[in-house]
């Protein structure tokens, strides 16, 4: 049995408690909750530490990896060879490099989109002037406009879309969302490397959604190999214009795909995974049948069950 301990935010732990509400077990002293799934036992403590243990704890951890809090006084974090090895040098942000990011992973409706972009120093300056930055701080309308400008600038990029039917098939086959994201990033980067040919670049930066070792295991399970000079960094789009560019392209694609799905459904499908989404799910089940969800939703999300209270 393997186990891992991570520090997560109070908000994330509360979301986890709600997410695992049907799997809760007796809570040990000093803990906020304990839950047991087929893959792991998850115990969240008041200190913010969360213990994942079991046969496949990484499957559960990957669902919350984006919210990990790195403690500056944590000697293990400072000395971790993985962290130092995969952390990009500061010079990368102003050099020719590739950045990769995704959208749609936390949304019940819609696909997952991943985009990788290659930028040079002169393009970095131009993209900054255009207003390219972290897409999370931009409206969807602004993102759609910026994506068109990026295309007009002929910035080399590759875009992959994992539509819902394929997503649900892979999930039933045992793929975690973390593995899906890793393979999408890997294939997007490989496509872009072929596109740019012999163009020079100082590295590849992936917006980190899981530990690099887990990412490597995911792609290795499908005979993939991590390219040289590949780095990982949380909130990478705030530092790298290449990642920010990929983020905008991915988000614009997600927004466009959501519009298509809404048009097909006959009413607007909301982004995110809120109570409004639960109500929309119930409407789809009542008006079009539960089978319709396979074409537009990530059906394994807890929202599918939560929607039943509105039926």
C-alpha atoms as a PDB file:
ATOM      1  CA  UNK A   1       0.000   0.000   0.000  1.00  0.00           C
ATOM      2  CA  UNK A   2       1.448   3.383  -1.004  1.00  0.00           C
ATOM      3  CA  UNK A   3       0.720   6.723   0.595  1.00  0.00           C
ATOM      4  CA  UNK A   4       1.364  10.405  -0.070  1.00  0.00           C
ATOM      5  CA  UNK A   5       0.816  13.533   1.981  1.00  0.00           C
ATOM      6  CA  UNK A   6       0.068  16.914   0.408  1.00  0.00           C
ATOM      7  CA  UNK A   7      -0.851  20.323   1.751  1.00  0.00           C
ATOM      8  CA  UNK A   8      -4.092  21.672   0.274  1.00  0.00           C
ATOM      9  CA  UNK A   9      -6.024  24.879   0.858  1.00  0.00           C
ATOM     10  CA  UNK A  10      -8.948  25.097   3.287  1.00  0.00           C
ATOM     11  CA  UNK A  11     -11.270  25.820   0.358  1.00  0.00           C
ATOM     12  CA  UNK A  12     -10.056  22.732  -1.492  1.00  0.00           C
ATOM     13  CA  UNK A  13     -10.500  20.505   1.559  1.00  0.00           C
ATOM     14  CA  UNK A  14     -14.077  21.740   1.918  1.00  0.00           C
ATOM     15  CA  UNK A  15     -14.735  20.981  -1.755  1.00  0.00           C
ATOM     16  CA  UNK A  16     -13.248  17.539  -1.247  1.00  0.00           C
ATOM     17  CA  UNK A  17     -15.532  16.851   1.703  1.00  0.00           C
ATOM     18  CA  UNK A  18     -18.537  17.719  -0.439  1.00  0.00           C
ATOM     19  CA  UNK A  19     -17.214  15.724  -3.391  1.00  0.00           C
ATOM     20  CA  UNK A  20     -16.680  12.586  -1.267  1.00  0.00           C
ATOM     21  CA  UNK A  21     -19.858  13.008   0.771  1.00  0.00           C
ATOM     22  CA  UNK A  22     -21.138   9.543  -0.211  1.00  0.00           C
ATOM     23  CA  UNK A  23     -17.811   7.902   0.680  1.00  0.00           C
ATOM     24  CA  UNK A  24     -17.266   9.416   4.142  1.00  0.00           C
ATOM     25  CA  UNK A  25     -16.254   7.102   7.000  1.00  0.00           C
ATOM     26  CA  UNK A  26     -15.511   7.661  10.681  1.00  0.00           C
ATOM     27  CA  UNK A  27     -13.292  10.701  11.202  1.00  0.00           C
ATOM     28  CA  UNK A  28     -10.127  10.219  13.285  1.00  0.00           C
ATOM     29  CA  UNK A  29      -9.089  12.741  15.916  1.00  0.00           C
ATOM     30  CA  UNK A  30      -7.620  15.900  14.459  1.00  0.00           C
ATOM     31  CA  UNK A  31      -9.108  15.287  11.025  1.00  0.00           C
ATOM     32  CA  UNK A  32     -11.797  17.148   9.098  1.00  0.00           C
ATOM     33  CA  UNK A  33     -12.966  14.072   7.211  1.00  0.00           C
ATOM     34  CA  UNK A  34     -11.992  10.632   5.998  1.00  0.00           C
ATOM     35  CA  UNK A  35     -13.345   9.074   2.828  1.00  0.00           C
ATOM     36  CA  UNK A  36     -12.824   5.677   1.240  1.00  0.00           C
ATOM     37  CA  UNK A  37     -13.037   5.042  -2.523  1.00  0.00           C
ATOM     38  CA  UNK A  38     -12.115   1.968  -4.552  1.00  0.00           C
ATOM     39  CA  UNK A  39      -8.692   3.493  -5.213  1.00  0.00           C
ATOM     40  CA  UNK A  40      -7.712   5.191  -1.965  1.00  0.00           C
ATOM     41  CA  UNK A  41      -8.461   6.301   1.570  1.00  0.00           C
ATOM     42  CA  UNK A  42      -8.328  10.090   1.864  1.00  0.00           C
ATOM     43  CA  UNK A  43      -7.852  11.734   5.250  1.00  0.00           C
ATOM     44  CA  UNK A  44      -7.851  15.536   5.546  1.00  0.00           C
ATOM     45  CA  UNK A  45      -6.427  17.126   8.694  1.00  0.00           C
ATOM     46  CA  UNK A  46      -7.031  20.549  10.227  1.00  0.00           C
ATOM     47  CA  UNK A  47      -3.390  21.418   9.545  1.00  0.00           C
ATOM     48  CA  UNK A  48      -4.170  21.392   5.813  1.00  0.00           C
ATOM     49  CA  UNK A  49      -2.345  18.137   5.220  1.00  0.00           C
ATOM     50  CA  UNK A  50      -4.215  15.489   3.268  1.00  0.00           C
ATOM     51  CA  UNK A  51      -3.148  11.845   3.340  1.00  0.00           C
ATOM     52  CA  UNK A  52      -3.843   9.696   0.277  1.00  0.00           C
ATOM     53  CA  UNK A  53      -3.199   5.980   0.803  1.00  0.00           C
ATOM     54  CA  UNK A  54      -4.236   2.758  -0.845  1.00  0.00           C
ATOM     55  CA  UNK A  55      -3.597   0.792  -4.010  1.00  0.00           C
ATOM     56  CA  UNK A  56      -3.901   3.753  -6.388  1.00  0.00           C
ATOM     57  CA  UNK A  57      -3.807   6.974  -4.314  1.00  0.00           C
ATOM     58  CA  UNK A  58      -2.552   9.056  -7.241  1.00  0.00           C
ATOM     59  CA  UNK A  59      -5.895   8.611  -8.998  1.00  0.00           C
ATOM     60  CA  UNK A  60      -7.601  10.572  -6.243  1.00  0.00           C
ATOM     61  CA  UNK A  61      -4.759  13.033  -5.683  1.00  0.00           C
ATOM     62  CA  UNK A  62      -4.718  14.068  -9.361  1.00  0.00           C
ATOM     63  CA  UNK A  63      -8.240  15.435  -8.961  1.00  0.00           C
ATOM     64  CA  UNK A  64      -6.920  18.065  -6.533  1.00  0.00           C
ATOM     65  CA  UNK A  65      -3.280  18.539  -7.603  1.00  0.00           C
ATOM     66  CA  UNK A  66      -3.840  22.035  -9.007  1.00  0.00           C
ATOM     67  CA  UNK A  67      -4.673  23.263  -5.494  1.00  0.00           C
ATOM     68  CA  UNK A  68      -1.523  22.069  -3.760  1.00  0.00           C
ATOM     69  CA  UNK A  69       0.013  24.651  -1.427  1.00  0.00           C
ATOM     70  CA  UNK A  70       3.811  24.680  -1.311  1.00  0.00           C
ATOM     71  CA  UNK A  71       4.980  25.649   2.151  1.00  0.00           C
ATOM     72  CA  UNK A  72       8.167  27.753   2.024  1.00  0.00           C
ATOM     73  CA  UNK A  73       9.392  26.339   5.336  1.00  0.00           C
ATOM     74  CA  UNK A  74       8.914  22.768   4.186  1.00  0.00           C
ATOM     75  CA  UNK A  75      12.458  21.356   4.042  1.00  0.00           C
ATOM     76  CA  UNK A  76      11.304  18.393   1.953  1.00  0.00           C
ATOM     77  CA  UNK A  77       9.885  20.698  -0.688  1.00  0.00           C
ATOM     78  CA  UNK A  78      13.140  22.668  -0.799  1.00  0.00           C
ATOM     79  CA  UNK A  79      15.324  19.590  -1.117  1.00  0.00           C
ATOM     80  CA  UNK A  80      13.131  17.668  -3.549  1.00  0.00           C
ATOM     81  CA  UNK A  81      15.282  16.803  -6.587  1.00  0.00           C
ATOM     82  CA  UNK A  82      12.173  16.473  -8.740  1.00  0.00           C
ATOM     83  CA  UNK A  83      11.075  19.999  -7.926  1.00  0.00           C
ATOM     84  CA  UNK A  84      14.477  21.533  -8.736  1.00  0.00           C
ATOM     85  CA  UNK A  85      15.036  19.397 -11.818  1.00  0.00           C
ATOM     86  CA  UNK A  86      11.708  20.241 -13.461  1.00  0.00           C
ATOM     87  CA  UNK A  87      11.542  23.895 -12.400  1.00  0.00           C
ATOM     88  CA  UNK A  88      12.227  26.124 -15.425  1.00  0.00           C
ATOM     89  CA  UNK A  89      15.178  28.538 -15.382  1.00  0.00           C
ATOM     90  CA  UNK A  90      14.054  32.154 -15.245  1.00  0.00           C
ATOM     91  CA  UNK A  91      15.790  32.793 -18.578  1.00  0.00           C
ATOM     92  CA  UNK A  92      13.258  30.506 -20.279  1.00  0.00           C
ATOM     93  CA  UNK A  93      10.489  33.101 -20.001  1.00  0.00           C
ATOM     94  CA  UNK A  94      12.294  35.571 -22.290  1.00  0.00           C
ATOM     95  CA  UNK A  95      13.669  33.009 -24.755  1.00  0.00           C
ATOM     96  CA  UNK A  96      12.236  30.925 -27.584  1.00  0.00           C
ATOM     97  CA  UNK A  97      10.197  28.196 -25.955  1.00  0.00           C
ATOM     98  CA  UNK A  98       7.041  26.079 -26.082  1.00  0.00           C
ATOM     99  CA  UNK A  99       4.198  26.445 -23.603  1.00  0.00           C
ATOM    100  CA  UNK A 100       1.242  24.118 -23.088  1.00  0.00           C
ATOM    101  CA  UNK A 101      -2.018  24.574 -21.175  1.00  0.00           C
ATOM    102  CA  UNK A 102      -5.555  23.183 -21.061  1.00  0.00           C
ATOM    103  CA  UNK A 103      -9.158  24.245 -20.514  1.00  0.00           C
ATOM    104  CA  UNK A 104     -12.426  22.568 -19.564  1.00  0.00           C
ATOM    105  CA  UNK A 105     -11.089  20.097 -17.012  1.00  0.00           C
ATOM    106  CA  UNK A 106     -13.239  21.333 -14.131  1.00  0.00           C
ATOM    107  CA  UNK A 107     -16.359  21.945 -16.216  1.00  0.00           C
ATOM    108  CA  UNK A 108     -19.111  19.330 -16.178  1.00  0.00           C
ATOM    109  CA  UNK A 109     -20.246  20.200 -19.682  1.00  0.00           C
ATOM    110  CA  UNK A 110     -17.928  20.421 -22.651  1.00  0.00           C
ATOM    111  CA  UNK A 111     -14.680  18.824 -23.785  1.00  0.00           C
ATOM    112  CA  UNK A 112     -11.123  19.160 -22.569  1.00  0.00           C
ATOM    113  CA  UNK A 113      -9.022  21.298 -24.897  1.00  0.00           C
ATOM    114  CA  UNK A 114      -5.216  21.463 -24.854  1.00  0.00           C
ATOM    115  CA  UNK A 115      -3.061  23.878 -26.836  1.00  0.00           C
ATOM    116  CA  UNK A 116       0.702  24.186 -27.168  1.00  0.00           C
ATOM    117  CA  UNK A 117       2.324  27.319 -28.624  1.00  0.00           C
ATOM    118  CA  UNK A 118       5.853  28.227 -29.737  1.00  0.00           C
ATOM    119  CA  UNK A 119       7.065  31.791 -29.292  1.00  0.00           C
ATOM    120  CA  UNK A 120      10.303  33.666 -29.977  1.00  0.00           C
ATOM    121  CA  UNK A 121      11.641  36.685 -28.016  1.00  0.00           C
ATOM    122  CA  UNK A 122      10.306  39.189 -30.574  1.00  0.00           C
ATOM    123  CA  UNK A 123       6.887  37.534 -30.508  1.00  0.00           C
ATOM    124  CA  UNK A 124       6.886  37.602 -26.693  1.00  0.00           C
ATOM    125  CA  UNK A 125       7.093  41.397 -26.756  1.00  0.00           C
ATOM    126  CA  UNK A 126       4.371  41.665 -29.391  1.00  0.00           C
ATOM    127  CA  UNK A 127       2.030  39.271 -27.590  1.00  0.00           C
ATOM    128  CA  UNK A 128       2.462  41.201 -24.352  1.00  0.00           C
ATOM    129  CA  UNK A 129       1.528  44.416 -26.173  1.00  0.00           C
ATOM    130  CA  UNK A 130      -1.613  42.713 -27.507  1.00  0.00           C
ATOM    131  CA  UNK A 131      -2.635  41.892 -23.933  1.00  0.00           C
ATOM    132  CA  UNK A 132      -1.861  38.180 -23.882  1.00  0.00           C
ATOM    133  CA  UNK A 133      -1.746  37.032 -20.259  1.00  0.00           C
ATOM    134  CA  UNK A 134      -3.300  34.498 -17.916  1.00  0.00           C
ATOM    135  CA  UNK A 135      -6.642  33.582 -19.528  1.00  0.00           C
ATOM    136  CA  UNK A 136      -8.238  33.159 -16.095  1.00  0.00           C
ATOM    137  CA  UNK A 137      -8.086  36.950 -15.767  1.00  0.00           C
ATOM    138  CA  UNK A 138      -9.782  37.580 -19.131  1.00  0.00           C
ATOM    139  CA  UNK A 139     -13.417  37.466 -20.222  1.00  0.00           C
ATOM    140  CA  UNK A 140     -14.476  34.913 -22.811  1.00  0.00           C
ATOM    141  CA  UNK A 141     -15.125  37.694 -25.352  1.00  0.00           C
ATOM    142  CA  UNK A 142     -11.597  39.027 -24.873  1.00  0.00           C
ATOM    143  CA  UNK A 143     -10.165  35.530 -25.151  1.00  0.00           C
ATOM    144  CA  UNK A 144     -11.962  34.909 -28.458  1.00  0.00           C
ATOM    145  CA  UNK A 145     -10.614  38.174 -29.869  1.00  0.00           C
ATOM    146  CA  UNK A 146      -7.072  37.483 -28.690  1.00  0.00           C
ATOM    147  CA  UNK A 147      -7.174  33.966 -30.129  1.00  0.00           C
ATOM    148  CA  UNK A 148      -7.985  35.407 -33.580  1.00  0.00           C
ATOM    149  CA  UNK A 149      -5.102  37.869 -33.280  1.00  0.00           C
ATOM    150  CA  UNK A 150      -2.735  35.073 -32.275  1.00  0.00           C
ATOM    151  CA  UNK A 151      -3.770  33.108 -35.375  1.00  0.00           C
ATOM    152  CA  UNK A 152      -3.292  36.207 -37.538  1.00  0.00           C
ATOM    153  CA  UNK A 153       0.237  36.591 -36.177  1.00  0.00           C
ATOM    154  CA  UNK A 154       0.978  33.065 -37.421  1.00  0.00           C
ATOM    155  CA  UNK A 155       2.178  31.931 -34.014  1.00  0.00           C
ATOM    156  CA  UNK A 156       2.884  28.188 -34.404  1.00  0.00           C
ATOM    157  CA  UNK A 157       0.527  26.150 -32.229  1.00  0.00           C
ATOM    158  CA  UNK A 158      -1.259  22.825 -32.007  1.00  0.00           C
ATOM    159  CA  UNK A 159      -4.712  22.245 -30.556  1.00  0.00           C
ATOM    160  CA  UNK A 160      -6.336  19.013 -29.427  1.00  0.00           C
ATOM    161  CA  UNK A 161      -9.959  18.545 -28.364  1.00  0.00           C
ATOM    162  CA  UNK A 162     -11.114  15.559 -26.336  1.00  0.00           C
ATOM    163  CA  UNK A 163     -14.847  15.476 -27.018  1.00  0.00           C
ATOM    164  CA  UNK A 164     -17.200  14.134 -24.378  1.00  0.00           C
ATOM    165  CA  UNK A 165     -18.084  10.752 -25.951  1.00  0.00           C
ATOM    166  CA  UNK A 166     -14.373   9.852 -26.184  1.00  0.00           C
ATOM    167  CA  UNK A 167     -13.716  11.277 -22.705  1.00  0.00           C
ATOM    168  CA  UNK A 168     -16.447   9.101 -21.199  1.00  0.00           C
ATOM    169  CA  UNK A 169     -15.192   6.022 -23.054  1.00  0.00           C
ATOM    170  CA  UNK A 170     -11.660   6.518 -21.731  1.00  0.00           C
ATOM    171  CA  UNK A 171     -12.964   7.149 -18.213  1.00  0.00           C
ATOM    172  CA  UNK A 172     -14.930   3.898 -18.245  1.00  0.00           C
ATOM    173  CA  UNK A 173     -11.804   2.171 -19.522  1.00  0.00           C
ATOM    174  CA  UNK A 174     -10.025   3.224 -16.334  1.00  0.00           C
ATOM    175  CA  UNK A 175      -8.253   6.362 -17.468  1.00  0.00           C
ATOM    176  CA  UNK A 176      -8.100   9.111 -14.849  1.00  0.00           C
ATOM    177  CA  UNK A 177      -8.594  12.679 -15.980  1.00  0.00           C
ATOM    178  CA  UNK A 178      -4.938  13.217 -15.104  1.00  0.00           C
ATOM    179  CA  UNK A 179      -3.871  10.603 -17.639  1.00  0.00           C
ATOM    180  CA  UNK A 180      -6.141  12.105 -20.286  1.00  0.00           C
ATOM    181  CA  UNK A 181      -4.616  15.545 -19.724  1.00  0.00           C
ATOM    182  CA  UNK A 182      -1.082  14.170 -19.795  1.00  0.00           C
ATOM    183  CA  UNK A 183      -1.652  12.378 -23.101  1.00  0.00           C
ATOM    184  CA  UNK A 184      -3.326  15.443 -24.623  1.00  0.00           C
ATOM    185  CA  UNK A 185      -0.389  17.653 -23.636  1.00  0.00           C
ATOM    186  CA  UNK A 186       2.074  15.051 -24.887  1.00  0.00           C
ATOM    187  CA  UNK A 187       0.426  14.694 -28.298  1.00  0.00           C
ATOM    188  CA  UNK A 188      -0.092  18.455 -28.682  1.00  0.00           C
ATOM    189  CA  UNK A 189       3.599  19.069 -27.965  1.00  0.00           C
ATOM    190  CA  UNK A 190       4.674  16.303 -30.355  1.00  0.00           C
ATOM    191  CA  UNK A 191       2.514  17.789 -33.127  1.00  0.00           C
ATOM    192  CA  UNK A 192       3.966  21.243 -32.503  1.00  0.00           C
ATOM    193  CA  UNK A 193       7.555  19.964 -32.513  1.00  0.00           C
ATOM    194  CA  UNK A 194       6.925  18.472 -35.955  1.00  0.00           C
ATOM    195  CA  UNK A 195       5.337  21.725 -37.109  1.00  0.00           C
ATOM    196  CA  UNK A 196       8.285  23.941 -36.094  1.00  0.00           C
ATOM    197  CA  UNK A 197      10.848  21.520 -37.520  1.00  0.00           C
ATOM    198  CA  UNK A 198      14.409  22.650 -36.821  1.00  0.00           C
ATOM    199  CA  UNK A 199      13.456  25.899 -35.109  1.00  0.00           C
ATOM    200  CA  UNK A 200      15.526  26.452 -31.967  1.00  0.00           C
ATOM    201  CA  UNK A 201      13.904  26.480 -28.544  1.00  0.00           C
ATOM    202  CA  UNK A 202      15.302  26.473 -25.023  1.00  0.00           C
ATOM    203  CA  UNK A 203      12.645  24.325 -23.427  1.00  0.00           C
ATOM    204  CA  UNK A 204       9.065  23.160 -23.086  1.00  0.00           C
ATOM    205  CA  UNK A 205       6.923  24.406 -20.206  1.00  0.00           C
ATOM    206  CA  UNK A 206       3.732  22.618 -19.143  1.00  0.00           C
ATOM    207  CA  UNK A 207       1.285  24.238 -16.757  1.00  0.00           C
ATOM    208  CA  UNK A 208       1.589  21.723 -13.920  1.00  0.00           C
ATOM    209  CA  UNK A 209      -1.529  19.760 -12.997  1.00  0.00           C
ATOM    210  CA  UNK A 210       0.230  16.770 -11.414  1.00  0.00           C
ATOM    211  CA  UNK A 211       3.681  15.850 -10.234  1.00  0.00           C
ATOM    212  CA  UNK A 212       6.205  15.421 -13.087  1.00  0.00           C
ATOM    213  CA  UNK A 213       6.815  11.810 -12.077  1.00  0.00           C
ATOM    214  CA  UNK A 214       3.124  11.018 -12.400  1.00  0.00           C
ATOM    215  CA  UNK A 215       2.998  12.794 -15.773  1.00  0.00           C
ATOM    216  CA  UNK A 216       5.943  10.704 -16.988  1.00  0.00           C
ATOM    217  CA  UNK A 217       4.261   7.480 -15.825  1.00  0.00           C
ATOM    218  CA  UNK A 218       1.052   8.436 -17.631  1.00  0.00           C
ATOM    219  CA  UNK A 219       2.716   8.985 -20.994  1.00  0.00           C
ATOM    220  CA  UNK A 220       5.053   6.010 -20.509  1.00  0.00           C
ATOM    221  CA  UNK A 221       1.999   3.765 -20.078  1.00  0.00           C
ATOM    222  CA  UNK A 222       1.159   4.662 -23.693  1.00  0.00           C
ATOM    223  CA  UNK A 223       4.777   4.392 -24.905  1.00  0.00           C
ATOM    224  CA  UNK A 224       5.386   8.131 -24.681  1.00  0.00           C
ATOM    225  CA  UNK A 225       8.735   9.688 -23.695  1.00  0.00           C
ATOM    226  CA  UNK A 226       9.208  13.097 -22.089  1.00  0.00           C
ATOM    227  CA  UNK A 227      11.175  15.381 -24.456  1.00  0.00           C
ATOM    228  CA  UNK A 228      14.442  16.861 -23.216  1.00  0.00           C
ATOM    229  CA  UNK A 229      14.266  20.205 -21.397  1.00  0.00           C
ATOM    230  CA  UNK A 230      10.631  19.781 -20.401  1.00  0.00           C
ATOM    231  CA  UNK A 231       9.661  21.782 -17.323  1.00  0.00           C
ATOM    232  CA  UNK A 232       6.592  21.955 -15.097  1.00  0.00           C
ATOM    233  CA  UNK A 233       5.295  24.927 -13.153  1.00  0.00           C
ATOM    234  CA  UNK A 234       2.031  25.787 -11.429  1.00  0.00           C
ATOM    235  CA  UNK A 235       0.397  29.018 -12.637  1.00  0.00           C
ATOM    236  CA  UNK A 236       2.888  28.957 -15.511  1.00  0.00           C
ATOM    237  CA  UNK A 237       0.650  31.176 -17.648  1.00  0.00           C
ATOM    238  CA  UNK A 238       1.443  34.053 -15.268  1.00  0.00           C
ATOM    239  CA  UNK A 239       5.156  33.791 -16.114  1.00  0.00           C
ATOM    240  CA  UNK A 240       5.381  32.382 -19.629  1.00  0.00           C
ATOM    241  CA  UNK A 241       3.816  34.088 -22.651  1.00  0.00           C
ATOM    242  CA  UNK A 242       4.026  30.768 -24.500  1.00  0.00           C
ATOM    243  CA  UNK A 243       1.873  29.072 -21.840  1.00  0.00           C
ATOM    244  CA  UNK A 244      -0.462  32.097 -21.732  1.00  0.00           C
ATOM    245  CA  UNK A 245      -0.819  31.858 -25.523  1.00  0.00           C
ATOM    246  CA  UNK A 246      -1.628  28.147 -25.290  1.00  0.00           C
ATOM    247  CA  UNK A 247      -4.071  28.916 -22.484  1.00  0.00           C
ATOM    248  CA  UNK A 248      -5.940  31.468 -24.592  1.00  0.00           C
ATOM    249  CA  UNK A 249      -6.121  29.177 -27.619  1.00  0.00           C
ATOM    250  CA  UNK A 250      -7.355  26.281 -25.467  1.00  0.00           C
ATOM    251  CA  UNK A 251      -9.933  28.440 -23.689  1.00  0.00           C
ATOM    252  CA  UNK A 252     -11.197  29.983 -26.937  1.00  0.00           C
ATOM    253  CA  UNK A 253     -11.659  26.511 -28.376  1.00  0.00           C
ATOM    254  CA  UNK A 254     -13.517  25.385 -25.243  1.00  0.00           C
ATOM    255  CA  UNK A 255     -15.856  28.399 -25.435  1.00  0.00           C
ATOM    256  CA  UNK A 256     -16.577  27.694 -29.116  1.00  0.00           C
ATOM    257  CA  UNK A 257     -17.257  24.021 -28.396  1.00  0.00           C
ATOM    258  CA  UNK A 258     -19.616  24.985 -25.562  1.00  0.00           C
ATOM    259  CA  UNK A 259     -21.511  27.243 -27.942  1.00  0.00           C
ATOM    260  CA  UNK A 260     -21.882  24.346 -30.394  1.00  0.00           C
ATOM    261  CA  UNK A 261     -23.132  22.014 -27.670  1.00  0.00           C
ATOM    262  CA  UNK A 262     -25.605  24.638 -26.423  1.00  0.00           C
ATOM    263  CA  UNK A 263     -26.920  25.125 -29.948  1.00  0.00           C
ATOM    264  CA  UNK A 264     -27.357  21.376 -30.358  1.00  0.00           C
ATOM    265  CA  UNK A 265     -29.141  21.154 -27.004  1.00  0.00           C
ATOM    266  CA  UNK A 266     -31.453  24.064 -27.734  1.00  0.00           C
ATOM    267  CA  UNK A 267     -30.532  25.982 -24.583  1.00  0.00           C
ATOM    268  CA  UNK A 268     -27.399  27.303 -22.888  1.00  0.00           C
ATOM    269  CA  UNK A 269     -25.121  24.872 -21.112  1.00  0.00           C
ATOM    270  CA  UNK A 270     -23.438  26.599 -18.182  1.00  0.00           C
ATOM    271  CA  UNK A 271     -19.715  26.411 -17.555  1.00  0.00           C
ATOM    272  CA  UNK A 272     -18.296  25.128 -14.275  1.00  0.00           C
ATOM    273  CA  UNK A 273     -19.894  22.604 -11.915  1.00  0.00           C
ATOM    274  CA  UNK A 274     -22.326  24.665  -9.842  1.00  0.00           C
ATOM    275  CA  UNK A 275     -25.891  24.125  -8.651  1.00  0.00           C
ATOM    276  CA  UNK A 276     -27.112  25.775 -11.873  1.00  0.00           C
ATOM    277  CA  UNK A 277     -25.272  23.045 -13.764  1.00  0.00           C
ATOM    278  CA  UNK A 278     -27.053  20.409 -11.652  1.00  0.00           C
ATOM    279  CA  UNK A 279     -30.405  21.952 -12.592  1.00  0.00           C
ATOM    280  CA  UNK A 280     -29.422  21.983 -16.260  1.00  0.00           C
ATOM    281  CA  UNK A 281     -28.513  18.296 -16.054  1.00  0.00           C
ATOM    282  CA  UNK A 282     -31.951  17.521 -14.637  1.00  0.00           C
ATOM    283  CA  UNK A 283     -33.560  19.445 -17.491  1.00  0.00           C
ATOM    284  CA  UNK A 284     -31.604  17.426 -20.059  1.00  0.00           C
ATOM    285  CA  UNK A 285     -32.581  14.140 -18.402  1.00  0.00           C
ATOM    286  CA  UNK A 286     -36.253  15.137 -18.318  1.00  0.00           C
ATOM    287  CA  UNK A 287     -36.437  16.555 -21.840  1.00  0.00           C
ATOM    288  CA  UNK A 288     -33.939  14.438 -23.797  1.00  0.00           C
ATOM    289  CA  UNK A 289     -33.100  11.398 -21.692  1.00  0.00           C
ATOM    290  CA  UNK A 290     -30.056  10.636 -19.562  1.00  0.00           C
ATOM    291  CA  UNK A 291     -28.233   9.110 -22.527  1.00  0.00           C
ATOM    292  CA  UNK A 292     -27.914  12.578 -24.041  1.00  0.00           C
ATOM    293  CA  UNK A 293     -25.429  13.522 -21.328  1.00  0.00           C
ATOM    294  CA  UNK A 294     -22.789  11.280 -22.885  1.00  0.00           C
ATOM    295  CA  UNK A 295     -22.541  13.634 -25.859  1.00  0.00           C
ATOM    296  CA  UNK A 296     -22.045  16.817 -23.880  1.00  0.00           C
ATOM    297  CA  UNK A 297     -20.875  16.059 -20.332  1.00  0.00           C
ATOM    298  CA  UNK A 298     -18.227  14.405 -18.178  1.00  0.00           C
ATOM    299  CA  UNK A 299     -20.756  12.006 -16.742  1.00  0.00           C
ATOM    300  CA  UNK A 300     -18.620  10.622 -13.902  1.00  0.00           C
ATOM    301  CA  UNK A 301     -18.622  14.018 -12.147  1.00  0.00           C
ATOM    302  CA  UNK A 302     -20.627  14.101  -8.907  1.00  0.00           C
ATOM    303  CA  UNK A 303     -23.018  16.575 -10.568  1.00  0.00           C
ATOM    304  CA  UNK A 304     -24.764  13.700 -12.362  1.00  0.00           C
ATOM    305  CA  UNK A 305     -25.944  12.306  -9.033  1.00  0.00           C
ATOM    306  CA  UNK A 306     -26.612  15.715  -7.474  1.00  0.00           C
ATOM    307  CA  UNK A 307     -28.973  16.540 -10.361  1.00  0.00           C
ATOM    308  CA  UNK A 308     -31.354  13.765  -9.319  1.00  0.00           C
ATOM    309  CA  UNK A 309     -32.712  15.893  -6.499  1.00  0.00           C
ATOM    310  CA  UNK A 310     -34.274  18.139  -9.181  1.00  0.00           C
ATOM    311  CA  UNK A 311     -36.027  15.313 -11.036  1.00  0.00           C
END
